[in-house]
Amino acid sequence: GRGCQYGVMPICRVLLILLLFAVPAEAAPRTLSGKAWAIDGDTIVIKGRHIRLFGIDAFEEGQTCGRMACGGKAGVAIEGLIGKGIVTCEQQDIDSYGRVVAICKSSSGVDLGREMVRRGLAVAYRSYSTRYLADEVWAKEHKQGAWAFGFDSPLHWRRTHP
């Protein structure tokens, strides 16, 4: 239309500016950081908050992948990645169990989820994200961790081992 012509340009500019400020900005992701400890290969705790690592599904405690104790190795690996430094997590969501779902990095800047997938101790959780698919492809091609032995996905394993 012709709404912003013929001398009403200043009003249109003011309306446009007001509209820009009226649209809610994307909320900044909530950051959680502190010393962490692992519950399992894809769940950590910081300051009493359970945090599920975004975009990955790690092998479960007790799960074996061929002759490899992949579930136990996943737990040991995440503890090693966490170390004694500060872990920083950017919240992405809250899951159905009330846990924060976040992308977490070690004090040295290592993305915990990415590293677990690259080590073959977790798979990309495709139902929720494609963020780590390339890392999974790399781990598979290089026969890292469970990829060297063959395995049931952690999701399938949970369904068959209640």
C-alpha atoms as a PDB file:
ATOM      1  CA  GLY A   1       0.000   0.000   0.000  1.00  0.00           C
ATOM      2  CA  ARG A   2       0.692   3.665   0.138  1.00  0.00           C
ATOM      3  CA  GLY A   3       0.685   3.976   3.949  1.00  0.00           C
ATOM      4  CA  CYS A   4       4.183   5.470   4.267  1.00  0.00           C
ATOM      5  CA  GLN A   5       4.067   8.117   1.537  1.00  0.00           C
ATOM      6  CA  TYR A   6       3.181  11.779   1.229  1.00  0.00           C
ATOM      7  CA  GLY A   7       4.653  13.355   4.315  1.00  0.00           C
ATOM      8  CA  VAL A   8       3.915  10.640   6.854  1.00  0.00           C
ATOM      9  CA  MET A   9       7.398   9.060   6.636  1.00  0.00           C
ATOM     10  CA  PRO A  10       8.460  10.238  10.120  1.00  0.00           C
ATOM     11  CA  ILE A  11       5.410   8.497  11.652  1.00  0.00           C
ATOM     12  CA  CYS A  12       6.175   5.319   9.718  1.00  0.00           C
ATOM     13  CA  ARG A  13       9.764   5.349  10.940  1.00  0.00           C
ATOM     14  CA  VAL A  14       8.606   5.733  14.541  1.00  0.00           C
ATOM     15  CA  LEU A  15       6.114   2.876  14.108  1.00  0.00           C
ATOM     16  CA  LEU A  16       8.788   0.681  12.527  1.00  0.00           C
ATOM     17  CA  ILE A  17      11.198   1.381  15.382  1.00  0.00           C
ATOM     18  CA  LEU A  18       8.483   0.649  17.949  1.00  0.00           C
ATOM     19  CA  LEU A  19       7.663  -2.625  16.180  1.00  0.00           C
ATOM     20  CA  LEU A  20      11.310  -3.693  16.272  1.00  0.00           C
ATOM     21  CA  PHE A  21      11.441  -3.163  20.026  1.00  0.00           C
ATOM     22  CA  ALA A  22       8.027  -4.745  20.602  1.00  0.00           C
ATOM     23  CA  VAL A  23       9.129  -8.066  19.091  1.00  0.00           C
ATOM     24  CA  PRO A  24      10.624 -10.129  21.917  1.00  0.00           C
ATOM     25  CA  ALA A  25      14.309 -10.786  21.442  1.00  0.00           C
ATOM     26  CA  GLU A  26      15.588 -14.349  21.516  1.00  0.00           C
ATOM     27  CA  ALA A  27      16.260 -15.118  25.171  1.00  0.00           C
ATOM     28  CA  ALA A  28      19.925 -15.563  25.960  1.00  0.00           C
ATOM     29  CA  PRO A  29      20.706 -19.183  26.807  1.00  0.00           C
ATOM     30  CA  ARG A  30      20.981 -19.876  30.502  1.00  0.00           C
ATOM     31  CA  THR A  31      24.537 -20.664  31.500  1.00  0.00           C
ATOM     32  CA  LEU A  32      25.344 -23.078  34.295  1.00  0.00           C
ATOM     33  CA  SER A  33      28.931 -23.559  35.383  1.00  0.00           C
ATOM     34  CA  GLY A  34      30.909 -25.083  38.195  1.00  0.00           C
ATOM     35  CA  LYS A  35      32.671 -28.229  39.294  1.00  0.00           C
ATOM     36  CA  ALA A  36      30.888 -31.250  37.864  1.00  0.00           C
ATOM     37  CA  TRP A  37      30.623 -34.978  38.407  1.00  0.00           C
ATOM     38  CA  ALA A  38      29.144 -37.622  36.129  1.00  0.00           C
ATOM     39  CA  ILE A  39      26.129 -39.815  36.731  1.00  0.00           C
ATOM     40  CA  ASP A  40      26.716 -41.658  33.458  1.00  0.00           C
ATOM     41  CA  GLY A  41      28.121 -41.003  29.989  1.00  0.00           C
ATOM     42  CA  ASP A  42      25.578 -38.316  29.098  1.00  0.00           C
ATOM     43  CA  THR A  43      24.400 -36.898  32.425  1.00  0.00           C
ATOM     44  CA  ILE A  44      26.415 -34.674  34.765  1.00  0.00           C
ATOM     45  CA  VAL A  45      25.656 -32.729  37.923  1.00  0.00           C
ATOM     46  CA  ILE A  46      26.666 -29.139  38.619  1.00  0.00           C
ATOM     47  CA  LYS A  47      25.617 -27.493  41.901  1.00  0.00           C
ATOM     48  CA  GLY A  48      22.968 -30.161  42.445  1.00  0.00           C
ATOM     49  CA  ARG A  49      21.397 -29.714  38.979  1.00  0.00           C
ATOM     50  CA  HIS A  50      21.197 -32.776  36.746  1.00  0.00           C
ATOM     51  CA  ILE A  51      22.294 -31.852  33.234  1.00  0.00           C
ATOM     52  CA  ARG A  52      21.668 -34.100  30.238  1.00  0.00           C
ATOM     53  CA  LEU A  53      24.196 -33.523  27.452  1.00  0.00           C
ATOM     54  CA  PHE A  54      22.402 -32.162  24.407  1.00  0.00           C
ATOM     55  CA  GLY A  55      22.344 -34.154  21.160  1.00  0.00           C
ATOM     56  CA  ILE A  56      24.022 -37.374  22.328  1.00  0.00           C
ATOM     57  CA  ASP A  57      22.996 -40.746  23.713  1.00  0.00           C
ATOM     58  CA  ALA A  58      25.812 -42.509  25.573  1.00  0.00           C
ATOM     59  CA  PHE A  59      26.051 -46.231  26.171  1.00  0.00           C
ATOM     60  CA  GLU A  60      24.411 -47.322  29.418  1.00  0.00           C
ATOM     61  CA  GLU A  61      26.136 -48.627  32.550  1.00  0.00           C
ATOM     62  CA  GLY A  62      26.229 -52.404  32.143  1.00  0.00           C
ATOM     63  CA  GLN A  63      25.882 -52.238  28.354  1.00  0.00           C
ATOM     64  CA  THR A  64      28.414 -54.197  26.335  1.00  0.00           C
ATOM     65  CA  CYS A  65      29.342 -53.616  22.713  1.00  0.00           C
ATOM     66  CA  GLY A  66      30.799 -56.868  21.466  1.00  0.00           C
ATOM     67  CA  ARG A  67      33.556 -57.636  23.976  1.00  0.00           C
ATOM     68  CA  MET A  68      33.858 -53.994  25.059  1.00  0.00           C
ATOM     69  CA  ALA A  69      32.210 -52.735  28.267  1.00  0.00           C
ATOM     70  CA  CYS A  70      31.072 -49.611  26.414  1.00  0.00           C
ATOM     71  CA  GLY A  71      28.719 -48.397  29.152  1.00  0.00           C
ATOM     72  CA  GLY A  72      31.435 -48.487  31.804  1.00  0.00           C
ATOM     73  CA  LYS A  73      33.947 -46.883  29.440  1.00  0.00           C
ATOM     74  CA  ALA A  74      31.472 -44.067  28.698  1.00  0.00           C
ATOM     75  CA  GLY A  75      31.198 -43.229  32.402  1.00  0.00           C
ATOM     76  CA  VAL A  76      34.963 -43.278  32.884  1.00  0.00           C
ATOM     77  CA  ALA A  77      35.515 -41.157  29.762  1.00  0.00           C
ATOM     78  CA  ILE A  78      33.076 -38.400  30.762  1.00  0.00           C
ATOM     79  CA  GLU A  79      34.688 -38.221  34.232  1.00  0.00           C
ATOM     80  CA  GLY A  80      38.070 -37.805  32.543  1.00  0.00           C
ATOM     81  CA  LEU A  81      36.751 -35.096  30.230  1.00  0.00           C
ATOM     82  CA  ILE A  82      35.213 -33.204  33.158  1.00  0.00           C
ATOM     83  CA  GLY A  83      38.405 -33.414  35.195  1.00  0.00           C
ATOM     84  CA  LYS A  84      38.773 -31.089  38.162  1.00  0.00           C
ATOM     85  CA  GLY A  85      38.113 -27.835  36.319  1.00  0.00           C
ATOM     86  CA  ILE A  86      34.983 -25.782  35.793  1.00  0.00           C
ATOM     87  CA  VAL A  87      32.415 -27.108  33.302  1.00  0.00           C
ATOM     88  CA  THR A  88      30.254 -24.534  31.515  1.00  0.00           C
ATOM     89  CA  CYS A  89      26.878 -25.502  30.065  1.00  0.00           C
ATOM     90  CA  GLU A  90      24.538 -23.548  27.774  1.00  0.00           C
ATOM     91  CA  GLN A  91      20.977 -24.685  28.407  1.00  0.00           C
ATOM     92  CA  GLN A  92      19.057 -25.754  25.292  1.00  0.00           C
ATOM     93  CA  ASP A  93      15.944 -27.269  26.869  1.00  0.00           C
ATOM     94  CA  ILE A  94      14.415 -29.052  29.873  1.00  0.00           C
ATOM     95  CA  ASP A  95      13.649 -32.753  29.363  1.00  0.00           C
ATOM     96  CA  SER A  96      10.629 -34.758  30.507  1.00  0.00           C
ATOM     97  CA  TYR A  97      12.471 -35.686  33.724  1.00  0.00           C
ATOM     98  CA  GLY A  98      13.053 -32.018  34.578  1.00  0.00           C
ATOM     99  CA  ARG A  99      16.754 -32.135  33.744  1.00  0.00           C
ATOM    100  CA  VAL A 100      18.468 -29.238  32.039  1.00  0.00           C
ATOM    101  CA  VAL A 101      19.539 -30.280  28.523  1.00  0.00           C
ATOM    102  CA  ALA A 102      22.711 -28.410  27.602  1.00  0.00           C
ATOM    103  CA  ILE A 103      25.807 -28.162  25.474  1.00  0.00           C
ATOM    104  CA  CYS A 104      28.643 -28.431  27.988  1.00  0.00           C
ATOM    105  CA  LYS A 105      32.323 -27.633  27.677  1.00  0.00           C
ATOM    106  CA  SER A 106      35.245 -28.570  29.869  1.00  0.00           C
ATOM    107  CA  SER A 107      37.495 -25.925  31.400  1.00  0.00           C
ATOM    108  CA  SER A 108      39.794 -26.357  28.359  1.00  0.00           C
ATOM    109  CA  GLY A 109      36.884 -25.701  25.957  1.00  0.00           C
ATOM    110  CA  VAL A 110      36.220 -29.289  24.830  1.00  0.00           C
ATOM    111  CA  ASP A 111      32.576 -29.917  23.880  1.00  0.00           C
ATOM    112  CA  LEU A 112      31.780 -32.946  26.063  1.00  0.00           C
ATOM    113  CA  GLY A 113      29.048 -34.280  23.761  1.00  0.00           C
ATOM    114  CA  ARG A 114      31.180 -33.972  20.644  1.00  0.00           C
ATOM    115  CA  GLU A 115      34.130 -35.710  22.297  1.00  0.00           C
ATOM    116  CA  MET A 116      31.990 -38.599  23.595  1.00  0.00           C
ATOM    117  CA  VAL A 117      30.616 -39.176  20.085  1.00  0.00           C
ATOM    118  CA  ARG A 118      34.083 -38.894  18.479  1.00  0.00           C
ATOM    119  CA  ARG A 119      35.437 -41.452  20.955  1.00  0.00           C
ATOM    120  CA  GLY A 120      32.672 -43.886  19.958  1.00  0.00           C
ATOM    121  CA  LEU A 121      31.206 -43.903  23.477  1.00  0.00           C
ATOM    122  CA  ALA A 122      27.955 -42.181  22.510  1.00  0.00           C
ATOM    123  CA  VAL A 123      25.909 -41.778  19.355  1.00  0.00           C
ATOM    124  CA  ALA A 124      24.317 -38.674  17.893  1.00  0.00           C
ATOM    125  CA  TYR A 125      20.775 -38.483  19.303  1.00  0.00           C
ATOM    126  CA  ARG A 126      19.112 -37.876  15.929  1.00  0.00           C
ATOM    127  CA  SER A 127      15.617 -37.551  17.426  1.00  0.00           C
ATOM    128  CA  TYR A 128      16.741 -34.311  19.055  1.00  0.00           C
ATOM    129  CA  SER A 129      19.601 -32.898  17.009  1.00  0.00           C
ATOM    130  CA  THR A 130      21.909 -33.349  14.041  1.00  0.00           C
ATOM    131  CA  ARG A 131      24.660 -31.367  15.777  1.00  0.00           C
ATOM    132  CA  TYR A 132      27.000 -34.372  16.206  1.00  0.00           C
ATOM    133  CA  LEU A 133      26.202 -36.424  13.079  1.00  0.00           C
ATOM    134  CA  ALA A 134      29.503 -35.560  11.367  1.00  0.00           C
ATOM    135  CA  ASP A 135      31.368 -36.594  14.524  1.00  0.00           C
ATOM    136  CA  GLU A 136      29.503 -39.909  14.542  1.00  0.00           C
ATOM    137  CA  VAL A 137      30.399 -40.513  10.883  1.00  0.00           C
ATOM    138  CA  TRP A 138      34.053 -39.788  11.731  1.00  0.00           C
ATOM    139  CA  ALA A 139      33.998 -42.200  14.712  1.00  0.00           C
ATOM    140  CA  LYS A 140      32.386 -44.926  12.601  1.00  0.00           C
ATOM    141  CA  GLU A 141      34.889 -44.487   9.739  1.00  0.00           C
ATOM    142  CA  HIS A 142      37.807 -44.611  12.203  1.00  0.00           C
ATOM    143  CA  LYS A 143      36.313 -47.518  14.211  1.00  0.00           C
ATOM    144  CA  GLN A 144      36.468 -45.568  17.460  1.00  0.00           C
ATOM    145  CA  GLY A 145      35.162 -47.145  20.667  1.00  0.00           C
ATOM    146  CA  ALA A 146      32.035 -49.218  20.130  1.00  0.00           C
ATOM    147  CA  TRP A 147      32.284 -48.805  16.359  1.00  0.00           C
ATOM    148  CA  ALA A 148      35.150 -51.309  16.416  1.00  0.00           C
ATOM    149  CA  PHE A 149      32.922 -53.999  17.946  1.00  0.00           C
ATOM    150  CA  GLY A 150      29.323 -53.445  16.825  1.00  0.00           C
ATOM    151  CA  PHE A 151      26.515 -52.553  19.212  1.00  0.00           C
ATOM    152  CA  ASP A 152      22.845 -51.986  19.911  1.00  0.00           C
ATOM    153  CA  SER A 153      22.004 -48.292  20.136  1.00  0.00           C
ATOM    154  CA  PRO A 154      21.677 -47.097  23.731  1.00  0.00           C
ATOM    155  CA  LEU A 155      17.963 -46.445  23.060  1.00  0.00           C
ATOM    156  CA  HIS A 156      17.377 -50.039  21.862  1.00  0.00           C
ATOM    157  CA  TRP A 157      19.438 -51.397  24.754  1.00  0.00           C
ATOM    158  CA  ARG A 158      17.322 -49.463  27.305  1.00  0.00           C
ATOM    159  CA  ARG A 159      14.127 -50.801  25.746  1.00  0.00           C
ATOM    160  CA  THR A 160      15.356 -54.398  25.961  1.00  0.00           C
ATOM    161  CA  HIS A 161      16.964 -54.086  29.436  1.00  0.00           C
ATOM    162  CA  PRO A 162      14.388 -52.394  31.656  1.00  0.00           C
END
